[in-house]
Amino acid sequence: MAPAAPAKQDLAAAGALLLVGCGKMGGALLDGWLAGGADAARIVVVEPAADPSRVQIPSGVSAVGAADAVPAGFQPDVVIMAVKPQMMAEVAPAYRGYVEAGAAVLSIAAGTNIAFFEQCFGPDAAVVRVMPNTPAAVGRGMSVLCANAGTSAGQRELCTRLMAAVGETAWLDDEGLMDAVTAVSGSGPAYVFLLIECLAAAGAAVGLPAGMALKLARETVAGAGELARSADEAPSQLRVNVTSPGGTTEAALKVLMAEPGLQELMTSAVTAAERRGRELGS
């Protein structure tokens, strides 16, 4: 079965976009939009944390260092807030005029809730909060979105397409679940990277050269993930498919599935991340 690729987004009619912050995630989004056909001439990047000349901005995209340097007359359809959460209170107010003129706000700042932007831009502002994750850099991101009542169906659809340019998307009606989303998919790549580290270290512990153990661990996790993504069967059945009675896999799974085992450890980890997200949000 051939690996399923994310659907390519047609962003030729995406309108004007104002990207505030062009770090790793902002840059990944920008690359995805351009690959999807967005008009570079209708995108302006504001990189407040650094000299834009030191940030790699694709050809045709305008880059400025502050909100007051955005070209006169430019009115975005969406203002994408991609600065770090701790910078948001300082940075966001400068963009109120664009929102009052009709731009939707799309925020990727973890822990910054919709109420913050409504207070900043006014109660009638169209605000979409999204939790993406780092595989967006290779077009395999998972983004979960949540909108306020002021967001129109057209604005929701546009924000969906903007995030679908870097992977899969899903919507939540209850913003209160965003901390749980962050704990699973937002932080989740780190858990997988740790799994690779641990599997590689375990391979070295049973005698494999360290470089070979790392390659085996990395490619096994990548391949298994792609199989899980493209297969019609549930992960539990895929696990059974690999497990011969009395074989080596069964011997390993008896350790991983003991109580307390991997499930209990993962549940504790996700719970801790969700709790911390709520603490940061308050």
C-alpha atoms as a PDB file:
ATOM      1  CA  MET A   1       0.000   0.000   0.000  1.00  0.00           C
ATOM      2  CA  ALA A   2       1.461   3.352  -1.024  1.00  0.00           C
ATOM      3  CA  PRO A   3       1.824   5.942   1.748  1.00  0.00           C
ATOM      4  CA  ALA A   4      -1.006   8.460   1.783  1.00  0.00           C
ATOM      5  CA  ALA A   5       0.171  12.043   1.328  1.00  0.00           C
ATOM      6  CA  PRO A   6      -1.647  15.070   2.755  1.00  0.00           C
ATOM      7  CA  ALA A   7      -4.056  16.609   0.276  1.00  0.00           C
ATOM      8  CA  LYS A   8      -2.394  19.469  -1.566  1.00  0.00           C
ATOM      9  CA  GLN A   9      -4.180  22.710  -0.789  1.00  0.00           C
ATOM     10  CA  ASP A  10      -5.148  25.177  -3.506  1.00  0.00           C
ATOM     11  CA  LEU A  11      -4.374  28.477  -1.840  1.00  0.00           C
ATOM     12  CA  ALA A  12      -4.303  30.616  -4.963  1.00  0.00           C
ATOM     13  CA  ALA A  13      -7.405  32.433  -3.700  1.00  0.00           C
ATOM     14  CA  ALA A  14      -6.393  32.514  -0.031  1.00  0.00           C
ATOM     15  CA  GLY A  15      -6.390  36.295   0.036  1.00  0.00           C
ATOM     16  CA  ALA A  16      -3.922  38.536   1.845  1.00  0.00           C
ATOM     17  CA  LEU A  17      -2.029  37.067   4.796  1.00  0.00           C
ATOM     18  CA  LEU A  18      -0.134  38.857   7.565  1.00  0.00           C
ATOM     19  CA  LEU A  19       2.208  36.440   9.349  1.00  0.00           C
ATOM     20  CA  VAL A  20       3.429  37.795  12.678  1.00  0.00           C
ATOM     21  CA  GLY A  21       6.466  35.730  13.619  1.00  0.00           C
ATOM     22  CA  CYS A  22       8.513  33.582  11.263  1.00  0.00           C
ATOM     23  CA  GLY A  23      10.229  31.087  13.542  1.00  0.00           C
ATOM     24  CA  LYS A  24      10.169  27.342  12.957  1.00  0.00           C
ATOM     25  CA  MET A  25       6.396  26.965  12.936  1.00  0.00           C
ATOM     26  CA  GLY A  26       5.711  30.250  11.182  1.00  0.00           C
ATOM     27  CA  GLY A  27       8.309  29.376   8.564  1.00  0.00           C
ATOM     28  CA  ALA A  28       6.812  25.906   8.064  1.00  0.00           C
ATOM     29  CA  LEU A  29       3.385  27.452   7.531  1.00  0.00           C
ATOM     30  CA  LEU A  30       4.757  29.997   5.084  1.00  0.00           C
ATOM     31  CA  ASP A  31       6.479  27.280   3.044  1.00  0.00           C
ATOM     32  CA  GLY A  32       3.269  25.225   3.025  1.00  0.00           C
ATOM     33  CA  TRP A  33       1.170  28.157   1.828  1.00  0.00           C
ATOM     34  CA  LEU A  34       3.533  28.979  -0.992  1.00  0.00           C
ATOM     35  CA  ALA A  35       3.708  25.325  -2.034  1.00  0.00           C
ATOM     36  CA  GLY A  36      -0.097  25.359  -2.086  1.00  0.00           C
ATOM     37  CA  GLY A  37      -0.178  28.245  -4.535  1.00  0.00           C
ATOM     38  CA  ALA A  38      -0.636  31.241  -2.247  1.00  0.00           C
ATOM     39  CA  ASP A  39       0.347  34.533  -3.897  1.00  0.00           C
ATOM     40  CA  ALA A  40       3.684  35.592  -2.384  1.00  0.00           C
ATOM     41  CA  ALA A  41       2.941  39.209  -3.291  1.00  0.00           C
ATOM     42  CA  ARG A  42      -0.068  39.114  -0.951  1.00  0.00           C
ATOM     43  CA  ILE A  43       1.860  37.887   2.071  1.00  0.00           C
ATOM     44  CA  VAL A  44       3.609  40.164   4.543  1.00  0.00           C
ATOM     45  CA  VAL A  45       5.801  38.752   7.316  1.00  0.00           C
ATOM     46  CA  VAL A  46       6.482  40.670  10.506  1.00  0.00           C
ATOM     47  CA  GLU A  47       9.458  39.253  12.387  1.00  0.00           C
ATOM     48  CA  PRO A  48       9.593  41.310  15.587  1.00  0.00           C
ATOM     49  CA  ALA A  49      12.230  39.248  17.359  1.00  0.00           C
ATOM     50  CA  ALA A  50      15.012  39.696  14.837  1.00  0.00           C
ATOM     51  CA  ASP A  51      16.247  41.641  11.865  1.00  0.00           C
ATOM     52  CA  PRO A  52      14.173  40.344   8.911  1.00  0.00           C
ATOM     53  CA  SER A  53      17.329  40.371   6.796  1.00  0.00           C
ATOM     54  CA  ARG A  54      18.610  37.494   8.953  1.00  0.00           C
ATOM     55  CA  VAL A  55      15.427  35.437   8.535  1.00  0.00           C
ATOM     56  CA  GLN A  56      15.083  33.331   5.406  1.00  0.00           C
ATOM     57  CA  ILE A  57      12.063  34.811   3.662  1.00  0.00           C
ATOM     58  CA  PRO A  58      11.027  33.262   0.321  1.00  0.00           C
ATOM     59  CA  SER A  59      11.311  35.380  -2.779  1.00  0.00           C
ATOM     60  CA  GLY A  60       8.348  37.637  -3.412  1.00  0.00           C
ATOM     61  CA  VAL A  61       7.199  37.781   0.216  1.00  0.00           C
ATOM     62  CA  SER A  62       7.529  41.150   1.940  1.00  0.00           C
ATOM     63  CA  ALA A  63       9.239  41.163   5.336  1.00  0.00           C
ATOM     64  CA  VAL A  64       9.272  43.956   7.899  1.00  0.00           C
ATOM     65  CA  GLY A  65      10.497  44.284  11.446  1.00  0.00           C
ATOM     66  CA  ALA A  66       7.446  45.756  13.182  1.00  0.00           C
ATOM     67  CA  ALA A  67       3.706  46.328  12.771  1.00  0.00           C
ATOM     68  CA  ASP A  68       4.173  49.991  11.920  1.00  0.00           C
ATOM     69  CA  ALA A  69       6.377  49.008   8.973  1.00  0.00           C
ATOM     70  CA  VAL A  70       3.649  46.995   7.215  1.00  0.00           C
ATOM     71  CA  PRO A  71       3.034  48.637   3.809  1.00  0.00           C
ATOM     72  CA  ALA A  72       0.360  51.327   3.875  1.00  0.00           C
ATOM     73  CA  GLY A  73      -2.949  50.123   2.490  1.00  0.00           C
ATOM     74  CA  PHE A  74      -2.249  46.456   3.121  1.00  0.00           C
ATOM     75  CA  GLN A  75      -5.358  44.808   4.602  1.00  0.00           C
ATOM     76  CA  PRO A  76      -5.009  41.114   5.387  1.00  0.00           C
ATOM     77  CA  ASP A  77      -7.834  38.607   5.346  1.00  0.00           C
ATOM     78  CA  VAL A  78      -6.096  36.720   8.159  1.00  0.00           C
ATOM     79  CA  VAL A  79      -3.575  37.851  10.766  1.00  0.00           C
ATOM     80  CA  ILE A  80      -1.594  34.784  11.822  1.00  0.00           C
ATOM     81  CA  MET A  81      -0.126  35.213  15.301  1.00  0.00           C
ATOM     82  CA  ALA A  82       2.962  32.992  15.411  1.00  0.00           C
ATOM     83  CA  VAL A  83       5.049  34.653  18.107  1.00  0.00           C
ATOM     84  CA  LYS A  84       5.910  32.966  21.400  1.00  0.00           C
ATOM     85  CA  PRO A  85       3.085  33.060  23.975  1.00  0.00           C
ATOM     86  CA  GLN A  86       5.155  35.115  26.415  1.00  0.00           C
ATOM     87  CA  MET A  87       5.488  37.840  23.748  1.00  0.00           C
ATOM     88  CA  MET A  88       1.811  37.938  22.795  1.00  0.00           C
ATOM     89  CA  ALA A  89       0.600  40.572  25.266  1.00  0.00           C
ATOM     90  CA  GLU A  90       3.261  42.963  24.016  1.00  0.00           C
ATOM     91  CA  VAL A  91       2.963  42.210  20.301  1.00  0.00           C
ATOM     92  CA  ALA A  92      -0.730  41.614  19.611  1.00  0.00           C
ATOM     93  CA  PRO A  93      -2.310  45.037  20.338  1.00  0.00           C
ATOM     94  CA  ALA A  94      -0.506  46.623  17.400  1.00  0.00           C
ATOM     95  CA  TYR A  95      -2.683  44.605  14.998  1.00  0.00           C
ATOM     96  CA  ARG A  96      -6.091  45.662  16.323  1.00  0.00           C
ATOM     97  CA  GLY A  97      -6.755  47.934  13.355  1.00  0.00           C
ATOM     98  CA  TYR A  98      -6.526  45.061  10.884  1.00  0.00           C
ATOM     99  CA  VAL A  99      -8.951  42.990  12.945  1.00  0.00           C
ATOM    100  CA  GLU A 100     -11.419  45.861  13.282  1.00  0.00           C
ATOM    101  CA  ALA A 101     -11.291  46.182   9.482  1.00  0.00           C
ATOM    102  CA  GLY A 102     -12.405  42.568   9.075  1.00  0.00           C
ATOM    103  CA  ALA A 103      -9.334  40.339   9.345  1.00  0.00           C
ATOM    104  CA  ALA A 104      -9.674  37.053  11.199  1.00  0.00           C
ATOM    105  CA  VAL A 105      -7.070  36.162  13.824  1.00  0.00           C
ATOM    106  CA  LEU A 106      -5.432  32.728  13.591  1.00  0.00           C
ATOM    107  CA  SER A 107      -3.259  32.061  16.645  1.00  0.00           C
ATOM    108  CA  ILE A 108      -0.811  29.181  17.050  1.00  0.00           C
ATOM    109  CA  ALA A 109       0.349  30.355  20.489  1.00  0.00           C
ATOM    110  CA  ALA A 110       0.022  27.476  22.947  1.00  0.00           C
ATOM    111  CA  GLY A 111      -1.827  28.361  26.141  1.00  0.00           C
ATOM    112  CA  THR A 112      -3.137  31.703  24.828  1.00  0.00           C
ATOM    113  CA  ASN A 113      -6.909  31.417  24.880  1.00  0.00           C
ATOM    114  CA  ILE A 114      -9.536  32.976  22.685  1.00  0.00           C
ATOM    115  CA  ALA A 115     -10.657  35.302  25.488  1.00  0.00           C
ATOM    116  CA  PHE A 116      -7.243  36.987  25.449  1.00  0.00           C
ATOM    117  CA  PHE A 117      -7.665  37.957  21.792  1.00  0.00           C
ATOM    118  CA  GLU A 118     -11.263  39.078  22.316  1.00  0.00           C
ATOM    119  CA  GLN A 119     -10.032  41.374  25.074  1.00  0.00           C
ATOM    120  CA  CYS A 120      -7.197  42.575  22.873  1.00  0.00           C
ATOM    121  CA  PHE A 121      -9.127  43.071  19.620  1.00  0.00           C
ATOM    122  CA  GLY A 122     -12.701  43.519  20.795  1.00  0.00           C
ATOM    123  CA  PRO A 123     -15.603  41.139  21.515  1.00  0.00           C
ATOM    124  CA  ASP A 124     -16.681  41.012  17.863  1.00  0.00           C
ATOM    125  CA  ALA A 125     -13.261  39.874  16.592  1.00  0.00           C
ATOM    126  CA  ALA A 126     -13.121  36.643  14.587  1.00  0.00           C
ATOM    127  CA  VAL A 127     -10.627  34.462  16.449  1.00  0.00           C
ATOM    128  CA  VAL A 128      -9.404  30.962  15.631  1.00  0.00           C
ATOM    129  CA  ARG A 129      -7.057  29.205  18.017  1.00  0.00           C
ATOM    130  CA  VAL A 130      -5.019  26.319  16.645  1.00  0.00           C
ATOM    131  CA  MET A 131      -2.622  23.783  18.156  1.00  0.00           C
ATOM    132  CA  PRO A 132      -0.245  22.539  15.445  1.00  0.00           C
ATOM    133  CA  ASN A 133       2.795  20.328  15.947  1.00  0.00           C
ATOM    134  CA  THR A 134       6.345  20.223  14.648  1.00  0.00           C
ATOM    135  CA  PRO A 135       5.877  17.579  11.904  1.00  0.00           C
ATOM    136  CA  ALA A 136       4.290  20.473  10.004  1.00  0.00           C
ATOM    137  CA  ALA A 137       7.879  21.151   8.905  1.00  0.00           C
ATOM    138  CA  VAL A 138       7.682  18.068   6.662  1.00  0.00           C
ATOM    139  CA  GLY A 139       4.015  18.391   5.722  1.00  0.00           C
ATOM    140  CA  ARG A 140       2.908  15.800   8.309  1.00  0.00           C
ATOM    141  CA  GLY A 141       1.547  18.113  10.973  1.00  0.00           C
ATOM    142  CA  MET A 142      -1.607  17.606  13.032  1.00  0.00           C
ATOM    143  CA  SER A 143      -3.507  20.812  13.753  1.00  0.00           C
ATOM    144  CA  VAL A 144      -6.611  21.148  15.915  1.00  0.00           C
ATOM    145  CA  LEU A 145      -8.629  24.349  15.573  1.00  0.00           C
ATOM    146  CA  CYS A 146     -11.277  26.066  17.701  1.00  0.00           C
ATOM    147  CA  ALA A 147     -13.149  29.267  16.780  1.00  0.00           C
ATOM    148  CA  ASN A 148     -15.217  31.838  18.631  1.00  0.00           C
ATOM    149  CA  ALA A 149     -18.765  32.847  17.753  1.00  0.00           C
ATOM    150  CA  GLY A 150     -17.532  35.829  15.758  1.00  0.00           C
ATOM    151  CA  THR A 151     -15.839  33.632  13.160  1.00  0.00           C
ATOM    152  CA  SER A 152     -17.816  33.135   9.948  1.00  0.00           C
ATOM    153  CA  ALA A 153     -18.097  29.859   8.067  1.00  0.00           C
ATOM    154  CA  GLY A 154     -15.899  31.302   5.324  1.00  0.00           C
ATOM    155  CA  GLN A 155     -13.209  32.318   7.806  1.00  0.00           C
ATOM    156  CA  ARG A 156     -13.275  28.859   9.384  1.00  0.00           C
ATOM    157  CA  GLU A 157     -12.880  27.271   5.965  1.00  0.00           C
ATOM    158  CA  LEU A 158      -9.955  29.539   5.071  1.00  0.00           C
ATOM    159  CA  CYS A 159      -8.183  28.794   8.354  1.00  0.00           C
ATOM    160  CA  THR A 160      -8.711  25.083   7.750  1.00  0.00           C
ATOM    161  CA  ARG A 161      -7.045  25.348   4.349  1.00  0.00           C
ATOM    162  CA  LEU A 162      -4.146  27.357   5.749  1.00  0.00           C
ATOM    163  CA  MET A 163      -3.403  24.669   8.334  1.00  0.00           C
ATOM    164  CA  ALA A 164      -4.133  21.760   5.971  1.00  0.00           C
ATOM    165  CA  ALA A 165      -1.249  23.033   3.838  1.00  0.00           C
ATOM    166  CA  VAL A 166       1.095  21.442   6.408  1.00  0.00           C
ATOM    167  CA  GLY A 167      -0.830  18.292   7.336  1.00  0.00           C
ATOM    168  CA  GLU A 168      -4.094  17.048   8.799  1.00  0.00           C
ATOM    169  CA  THR A 169      -6.692  19.161  10.597  1.00  0.00           C
ATOM    170  CA  ALA A 170      -9.551  18.672  13.065  1.00  0.00           C
ATOM    171  CA  TRP A 171     -11.959  21.022  14.837  1.00  0.00           C
ATOM    172  CA  LEU A 172     -13.087  21.275  18.441  1.00  0.00           C
ATOM    173  CA  ASP A 173     -16.207  23.027  19.704  1.00  0.00           C
ATOM    174  CA  ASP A 174     -14.990  23.037  23.308  1.00  0.00           C
ATOM    175  CA  GLU A 175     -11.912  25.207  23.799  1.00  0.00           C
ATOM    176  CA  GLY A 176     -11.495  23.626  27.220  1.00  0.00           C
ATOM    177  CA  LEU A 177     -10.145  20.516  25.490  1.00  0.00           C
ATOM    178  CA  MET A 178      -7.252  22.377  23.872  1.00  0.00           C
ATOM    179  CA  ASP A 179      -4.944  21.592  26.796  1.00  0.00           C
ATOM    180  CA  ALA A 180      -5.653  17.901  26.230  1.00  0.00           C
ATOM    181  CA  VAL A 181      -4.913  18.340  22.521  1.00  0.00           C
ATOM    182  CA  THR A 182      -1.633  20.030  23.408  1.00  0.00           C
ATOM    183  CA  ALA A 183      -0.741  17.154  25.727  1.00  0.00           C
ATOM    184  CA  VAL A 184      -1.375  14.524  23.020  1.00  0.00           C
ATOM    185  CA  SER A 185      -0.468  15.957  19.613  1.00  0.00           C
ATOM    186  CA  GLY A 186       1.264  19.240  20.468  1.00  0.00           C
ATOM    187  CA  SER A 187       3.793  17.649  22.829  1.00  0.00           C
ATOM    188  CA  GLY A 188       3.424  14.180  21.311  1.00  0.00           C
ATOM    189  CA  PRO A 189       6.335  14.390  18.848  1.00  0.00           C
ATOM    190  CA  ALA A 190       8.701  14.692  21.824  1.00  0.00           C
ATOM    191  CA  TYR A 191       7.323  11.437  23.225  1.00  0.00           C
ATOM    192  CA  VAL A 192       8.016   9.700  19.909  1.00  0.00           C
ATOM    193  CA  PHE A 193      11.531  11.123  19.746  1.00  0.00           C
ATOM    194  CA  LEU A 194      12.120   9.815  23.251  1.00  0.00           C
ATOM    195  CA  LEU A 195      10.881   6.403  22.137  1.00  0.00           C
ATOM    196  CA  ILE A 196      13.472   6.442  19.357  1.00  0.00           C
ATOM    197  CA  GLU A 197      16.192   7.404  21.840  1.00  0.00           C
ATOM    198  CA  CYS A 198      15.184   4.640  24.236  1.00  0.00           C
ATOM    199  CA  LEU A 199      14.860   1.980  21.548  1.00  0.00           C
ATOM    200  CA  ALA A 200      18.271   2.905  20.156  1.00  0.00           C
ATOM    201  CA  ALA A 201      19.848   2.805  23.621  1.00  0.00           C
ATOM    202  CA  ALA A 202      18.242  -0.588  24.272  1.00  0.00           C
ATOM    203  CA  GLY A 203      19.639  -1.874  20.988  1.00  0.00           C
ATOM    204  CA  ALA A 204      23.102  -0.713  21.950  1.00  0.00           C
ATOM    205  CA  ALA A 205      22.675  -2.368  25.354  1.00  0.00           C
ATOM    206  CA  VAL A 206      22.178  -5.776  23.705  1.00  0.00           C
ATOM    207  CA  GLY A 207      25.293  -5.365  21.572  1.00  0.00           C
ATOM    208  CA  LEU A 208      24.425  -3.426  18.432  1.00  0.00           C
ATOM    209  CA  PRO A 209      26.799  -0.652  17.293  1.00  0.00           C
ATOM    210  CA  ALA A 210      25.305   2.667  18.430  1.00  0.00           C
ATOM    211  CA  GLY A 211      24.963   4.044  14.908  1.00  0.00           C
ATOM    212  CA  MET A 212      23.183   0.955  13.632  1.00  0.00           C
ATOM    213  CA  ALA A 213      20.907   0.848  16.690  1.00  0.00           C
ATOM    214  CA  LEU A 214      19.868   4.452  16.083  1.00  0.00           C
ATOM    215  CA  LYS A 215      19.171   3.812  12.400  1.00  0.00           C
ATOM    216  CA  LEU A 216      17.099   0.728  13.202  1.00  0.00           C
ATOM    217  CA  ALA A 217      15.111   2.587  15.858  1.00  0.00           C
ATOM    218  CA  ARG A 218      14.507   5.685  13.735  1.00  0.00           C
ATOM    219  CA  GLU A 219      13.456   3.841  10.589  1.00  0.00           C
ATOM    220  CA  THR A 220      11.317   1.359  12.526  1.00  0.00           C
ATOM    221  CA  VAL A 221       9.358   4.128  14.229  1.00  0.00           C
ATOM    222  CA  ALA A 222       9.002   6.091  10.980  1.00  0.00           C
ATOM    223  CA  GLY A 223       7.877   3.030   9.032  1.00  0.00           C
ATOM    224  CA  ALA A 224       5.482   1.831  11.708  1.00  0.00           C
ATOM    225  CA  GLY A 225       3.963   5.293  11.923  1.00  0.00           C
ATOM    226  CA  GLU A 226       3.413   5.415   8.177  1.00  0.00           C
ATOM    227  CA  LEU A 227       1.849   1.955   8.253  1.00  0.00           C
ATOM    228  CA  ALA A 228      -0.454   2.973  11.110  1.00  0.00           C
ATOM    229  CA  ARG A 229      -1.433   6.076   9.144  1.00  0.00           C
ATOM    230  CA  SER A 230      -2.245   4.309   5.892  1.00  0.00           C
ATOM    231  CA  ALA A 231      -3.623   0.961   7.102  1.00  0.00           C
ATOM    232  CA  ASP A 232      -7.334   0.263   7.427  1.00  0.00           C
ATOM    233  CA  GLU A 233      -6.721  -1.771  10.580  1.00  0.00           C
ATOM    234  CA  ALA A 234      -6.590  -0.283  14.072  1.00  0.00           C
ATOM    235  CA  PRO A 235      -3.180   0.041  15.778  1.00  0.00           C
ATOM    236  CA  SER A 236      -4.202  -2.710  18.194  1.00  0.00           C
ATOM    237  CA  GLN A 237      -4.713  -5.104  15.280  1.00  0.00           C
ATOM    238  CA  LEU A 238      -1.439  -4.072  13.657  1.00  0.00           C
ATOM    239  CA  ARG A 239       0.254  -4.933  16.938  1.00  0.00           C
ATOM    240  CA  VAL A 240      -1.408  -8.349  16.955  1.00  0.00           C
ATOM    241  CA  ASN A 241      -0.321  -8.899  13.357  1.00  0.00           C
ATOM    242  CA  VAL A 242       3.339  -8.565  14.398  1.00  0.00           C
ATOM    243  CA  THR A 243       3.012 -10.728  17.505  1.00  0.00           C
ATOM    244  CA  SER A 244       3.529 -14.463  17.022  1.00  0.00           C
ATOM    245  CA  PRO A 245       2.462 -16.616  20.010  1.00  0.00           C
ATOM    246  CA  GLY A 246       5.498 -17.541  22.042  1.00  0.00           C
ATOM    247  CA  GLY A 247       7.781 -15.393  19.906  1.00  0.00           C
ATOM    248  CA  THR A 248      10.186 -12.547  20.523  1.00  0.00           C
ATOM    249  CA  THR A 249       7.629  -9.755  20.129  1.00  0.00           C
ATOM    250  CA  GLU A 250       5.316 -11.369  22.654  1.00  0.00           C
ATOM    251  CA  ALA A 251       8.186 -11.618  25.140  1.00  0.00           C
ATOM    252  CA  ALA A 252       8.840  -7.872  24.795  1.00  0.00           C
ATOM    253  CA  LEU A 253       5.172  -6.923  24.965  1.00  0.00           C
ATOM    254  CA  LYS A 254       4.724  -8.843  28.195  1.00  0.00           C
ATOM    255  CA  VAL A 255       7.127  -6.319  29.706  1.00  0.00           C
ATOM    256  CA  LEU A 256       5.657  -3.228  28.032  1.00  0.00           C
ATOM    257  CA  MET A 257       2.039  -4.221  28.722  1.00  0.00           C
ATOM    258  CA  ALA A 258       2.507  -5.289  32.337  1.00  0.00           C
ATOM    259  CA  GLU A 259       0.874  -3.225  35.078  1.00  0.00           C
ATOM    260  CA  PRO A 260       2.103  -0.624  35.548  1.00  0.00           C
ATOM    261  CA  GLY A 261       3.395  -0.579  31.999  1.00  0.00           C
ATOM    262  CA  LEU A 262       3.651   1.676  29.007  1.00  0.00           C
ATOM    263  CA  GLN A 263      -0.064   2.576  29.044  1.00  0.00           C
ATOM    264  CA  GLU A 264       0.018   3.721  32.658  1.00  0.00           C
ATOM    265  CA  LEU A 265       3.234   5.661  32.071  1.00  0.00           C
ATOM    266  CA  MET A 266       1.876   7.377  28.946  1.00  0.00           C
ATOM    267  CA  THR A 267      -1.398   8.276  30.644  1.00  0.00           C
ATOM    268  CA  SER A 268       0.514   9.819  33.548  1.00  0.00           C
ATOM    269  CA  ALA A 269       2.703  11.780  31.134  1.00  0.00           C
ATOM    270  CA  VAL A 270      -0.215  13.155  29.104  1.00  0.00           C
ATOM    271  CA  THR A 271      -2.094  14.021  32.295  1.00  0.00           C
ATOM    272  CA  ALA A 272       0.927  15.957  33.573  1.00  0.00           C
ATOM    273  CA  ALA A 273       1.201  17.847  30.286  1.00  0.00           C
ATOM    274  CA  GLU A 274      -2.525  18.645  30.255  1.00  0.00           C
ATOM    275  CA  ARG A 275      -2.366  19.887  33.859  1.00  0.00           C
ATOM    276  CA  ARG A 276       0.613  22.089  33.079  1.00  0.00           C
ATOM    277  CA  GLY A 277      -1.172  23.518  30.059  1.00  0.00           C
ATOM    278  CA  ARG A 278      -4.088  24.573  32.251  1.00  0.00           C
ATOM    279  CA  GLU A 279      -1.677  26.144  34.735  1.00  0.00           C
ATOM    280  CA  LEU A 280       0.056  28.140  32.015  1.00  0.00           C
ATOM    281  CA  GLY A 281      -3.259  29.231  30.520  1.00  0.00           C
ATOM    282  CA  SER A 282      -4.463  30.614  33.840  1.00  0.00           C
END
